[in-house]
Amino acid sequence: MHIAGDQHLPAVVHYGLETHRDGPVAFAGPAVNVGYPRWWEPTKTGRNKTTGTPGFTGDFPDHFGNPLTVLAYKNGPSDPPRPVLEAVNAKTSGLGVVRFKKSARSFSFECWAYSAEVTKPGTQMATWPVTVNQFHNYARPPRICRR
């Protein structure tokens, strides 16, 4: 698993090494105070996307042609509102949380807007939380190396 921070676009992606979804899962949580808006806008809709997720999720090639699967993301508006608190939320500022559930061998990524009411259900950013099973993280079959 790859956990990132700073001022990245809030996203959960599944890297591909040889094919889609055979590498580790990565989570870039939102920054507490984003200075500028960021976007994920590929030119084509992703393949094999999960039902009910936005059009920019699914399988894509990255800039170098490597397989990449986008599981969740949060774009801000191209023209953020002017009031300070509204602008902070619009630019996808917030808080990221990773929860590990040992008994289920899974981990969940949560993504909360800056002013979200975290005690109320359904207040996370759209498409979150994302739960991944341990066995789907780096899902390549083991190889035996012989000399």
Protein backbone atom coordinates (compact mmCIF):
# COMPACT_ATOMS: atom_id res chain seq x y z
CA MET A 1 0.00 0.00 0.00
CA HIS A 2 1.19 3.49 -0.85
CA ILE A 3 -0.05 6.39 1.30
CA ALA A 4 0.71 9.93 0.10
CA GLY A 5 -0.02 13.42 1.32
CA ASP A 6 0.89 17.04 0.55
CA GLN A 7 -1.37 18.89 -1.92
CA HIS A 8 -2.23 15.96 -4.18
CA LEU A 9 -5.63 15.40 -5.72
CA PRO A 10 -7.57 13.19 -3.29
CA ALA A 11 -7.57 9.80 -4.99
CA VAL A 12 -7.37 6.03 -4.58
CA VAL A 13 -5.60 4.28 -7.44
CA HIS A 14 -4.53 0.70 -8.05
CA TYR A 15 -1.20 0.57 -9.83
CA GLY A 16 -0.61 -1.93 -12.58
CA LEU A 17 2.77 -3.53 -13.14
CA GLU A 18 2.09 -5.92 -16.00
CA THR A 19 -1.69 -5.59 -16.16
CA HIS A 20 -4.39 -3.54 -14.44
CA ARG A 21 -4.75 -4.11 -10.68
CA ASP A 22 -1.69 -6.35 -10.21
CA GLY A 23 0.32 -3.78 -8.23
CA PRO A 24 -0.15 -1.97 -4.92
CA VAL A 25 -3.06 0.32 -4.03
CA ALA A 26 -2.28 3.99 -3.39
CA PHE A 27 -4.17 6.65 -1.43
CA ALA A 28 -3.44 10.35 -1.72
CA GLY A 29 -5.34 12.09 1.01
CA PRO A 30 -6.45 15.70 0.75
CA ALA A 31 -4.34 18.51 2.17
CA VAL A 32 -5.74 20.47 5.10
CA ASN A 33 -5.49 23.72 3.13
CA VAL A 34 -5.08 23.39 -0.62
CA GLY A 35 -3.64 26.47 -2.29
CA TYR A 36 -4.92 25.69 -5.77
CA PRO A 37 -7.51 23.38 -7.37
CA ARG A 38 -6.39 20.16 -9.13
CA TRP A 39 -8.22 17.87 -11.57
CA TRP A 40 -8.27 14.37 -12.96
CA GLU A 41 -9.76 14.66 -16.46
CA PRO A 42 -8.65 11.93 -18.84
CA THR A 43 -9.68 12.26 -22.48
CA LYS A 44 -11.55 8.93 -22.45
CA THR A 45 -13.83 7.16 -19.99
CA GLY A 46 -12.17 4.39 -17.99
CA ARG A 47 -12.73 0.75 -18.87
CA ASN A 48 -14.04 -1.79 -16.33
CA LYS A 49 -15.30 0.86 -13.92
CA THR A 50 -17.38 -0.09 -10.91
CA THR A 51 -21.12 0.52 -11.28
CA GLY A 52 -22.21 3.79 -9.70
CA THR A 53 -18.81 5.50 -9.81
CA PRO A 54 -18.03 8.62 -11.88
CA GLY A 55 -16.93 8.36 -15.52
CA PHE A 56 -13.30 9.06 -14.73
CA THR A 57 -12.86 5.88 -12.68
CA GLY A 58 -11.77 2.56 -14.13
CA ASP A 59 -8.77 1.33 -16.10
CA PHE A 60 -6.50 3.82 -17.90
CA PRO A 61 -2.95 3.97 -19.20
CA ASP A 62 -0.84 6.46 -17.26
CA HIS A 63 1.26 9.11 -19.01
CA PHE A 64 3.99 6.52 -19.66
CA GLY A 65 1.63 3.80 -20.90
CA ASN A 66 1.59 1.81 -17.64
CA PRO A 67 -1.72 0.30 -16.45
CA LEU A 68 -3.50 2.39 -13.79
CA THR A 69 -6.93 1.88 -12.23
CA VAL A 70 -8.66 4.87 -10.61
CA LEU A 71 -11.00 3.74 -7.80
CA ALA A 72 -11.94 7.17 -6.40
CA TYR A 73 -11.03 10.84 -6.86
CA LYS A 74 -12.36 14.29 -6.02
CA ASN A 75 -12.07 17.17 -8.48
CA GLY A 76 -12.57 20.76 -7.42
CA PRO A 77 -14.37 23.36 -9.54
CA SER A 78 -12.39 25.27 -12.18
CA ASP A 79 -13.49 28.57 -10.60
CA PRO A 80 -13.62 28.18 -6.78
CA PRO A 81 -16.04 30.41 -4.82
CA ARG A 82 -14.65 33.54 -3.17
CA PRO A 83 -15.64 33.19 0.52
CA VAL A 84 -12.68 31.61 2.32
CA LEU A 85 -14.38 28.56 3.90
CA GLU A 86 -16.31 27.77 0.72
CA ALA A 87 -13.10 28.07 -1.32
CA VAL A 88 -11.22 25.74 1.05
CA ASN A 89 -13.91 23.07 0.67
CA ALA A 90 -14.23 23.58 -3.11
CA LYS A 91 -10.49 23.08 -3.64
CA THR A 92 -10.86 19.64 -1.97
CA SER A 93 -9.11 20.53 1.28
CA GLY A 94 -9.81 18.02 4.01
CA LEU A 95 -8.65 15.03 5.97
CA GLY A 96 -7.70 11.52 4.88
CA VAL A 97 -7.95 8.49 7.18
CA VAL A 98 -6.79 4.90 6.65
CA ARG A 99 -8.47 2.24 8.80
CA PHE A 100 -7.02 -1.26 9.10
CA LYS A 101 -9.34 -4.14 9.92
CA LYS A 102 -7.11 -7.10 10.78
CA SER A 103 -9.97 -9.59 11.21
CA ALA A 104 -11.18 -8.96 7.63
CA ARG A 105 -7.66 -8.50 6.23
CA SER A 106 -8.77 -5.22 4.70
CA PHE A 107 -8.10 -1.52 4.83
CA SER A 108 -10.45 1.39 4.16
CA PHE A 109 -9.58 4.82 2.85
CA GLU A 110 -11.74 7.71 4.05
CA CYS A 111 -11.77 11.21 2.61
CA TRP A 112 -13.49 14.04 4.47
CA ALA A 113 -14.02 17.61 3.27
CA TYR A 114 -12.56 20.35 5.48
CA SER A 115 -15.90 21.26 7.05
CA ALA A 116 -17.56 17.82 6.95
CA GLU A 117 -19.58 16.67 9.93
CA VAL A 118 -17.59 13.47 10.46
CA THR A 119 -20.08 12.01 12.95
CA LYS A 120 -22.88 11.95 10.35
CA PRO A 121 -23.07 9.13 7.79
CA GLY A 122 -22.74 10.05 4.13
CA THR A 123 -20.65 13.18 4.68
CA GLN A 124 -17.43 11.91 3.12
CA MET A 125 -16.35 13.11 -0.32
CA ALA A 126 -18.20 11.37 -3.16
CA THR A 127 -16.98 7.81 -3.94
CA TRP A 128 -15.52 7.32 -0.44
CA PRO A 129 -14.91 5.26 1.63
CA VAL A 130 -12.99 2.74 -0.50
CA THR A 131 -12.25 -0.65 1.07
CA VAL A 132 -9.57 -2.96 -0.33
CA ASN A 133 -8.88 -6.56 0.66
CA GLN A 134 -5.28 -7.32 1.57
CA PHE A 135 -5.09 -9.98 -1.15
CA HIS A 136 -6.07 -7.48 -3.86
CA ASN A 137 -3.21 -5.18 -2.89
CA TYR A 138 -0.24 -6.24 -5.02
CA ALA A 139 -2.22 -9.03 -6.62
CA ARG A 140 0.50 -10.53 -8.81
CA PRO A 141 0.94 -14.27 -8.45
CA PRO A 142 4.17 -15.28 -6.69
CA ARG A 143 7.07 -16.33 -8.89
CA ILE A 144 9.75 -18.85 -8.14
CA CYS A 145 13.21 -17.63 -9.06
CA ARG A 146 15.59 -20.38 -10.14
CA ARG A 147 19.31 -19.98 -10.69
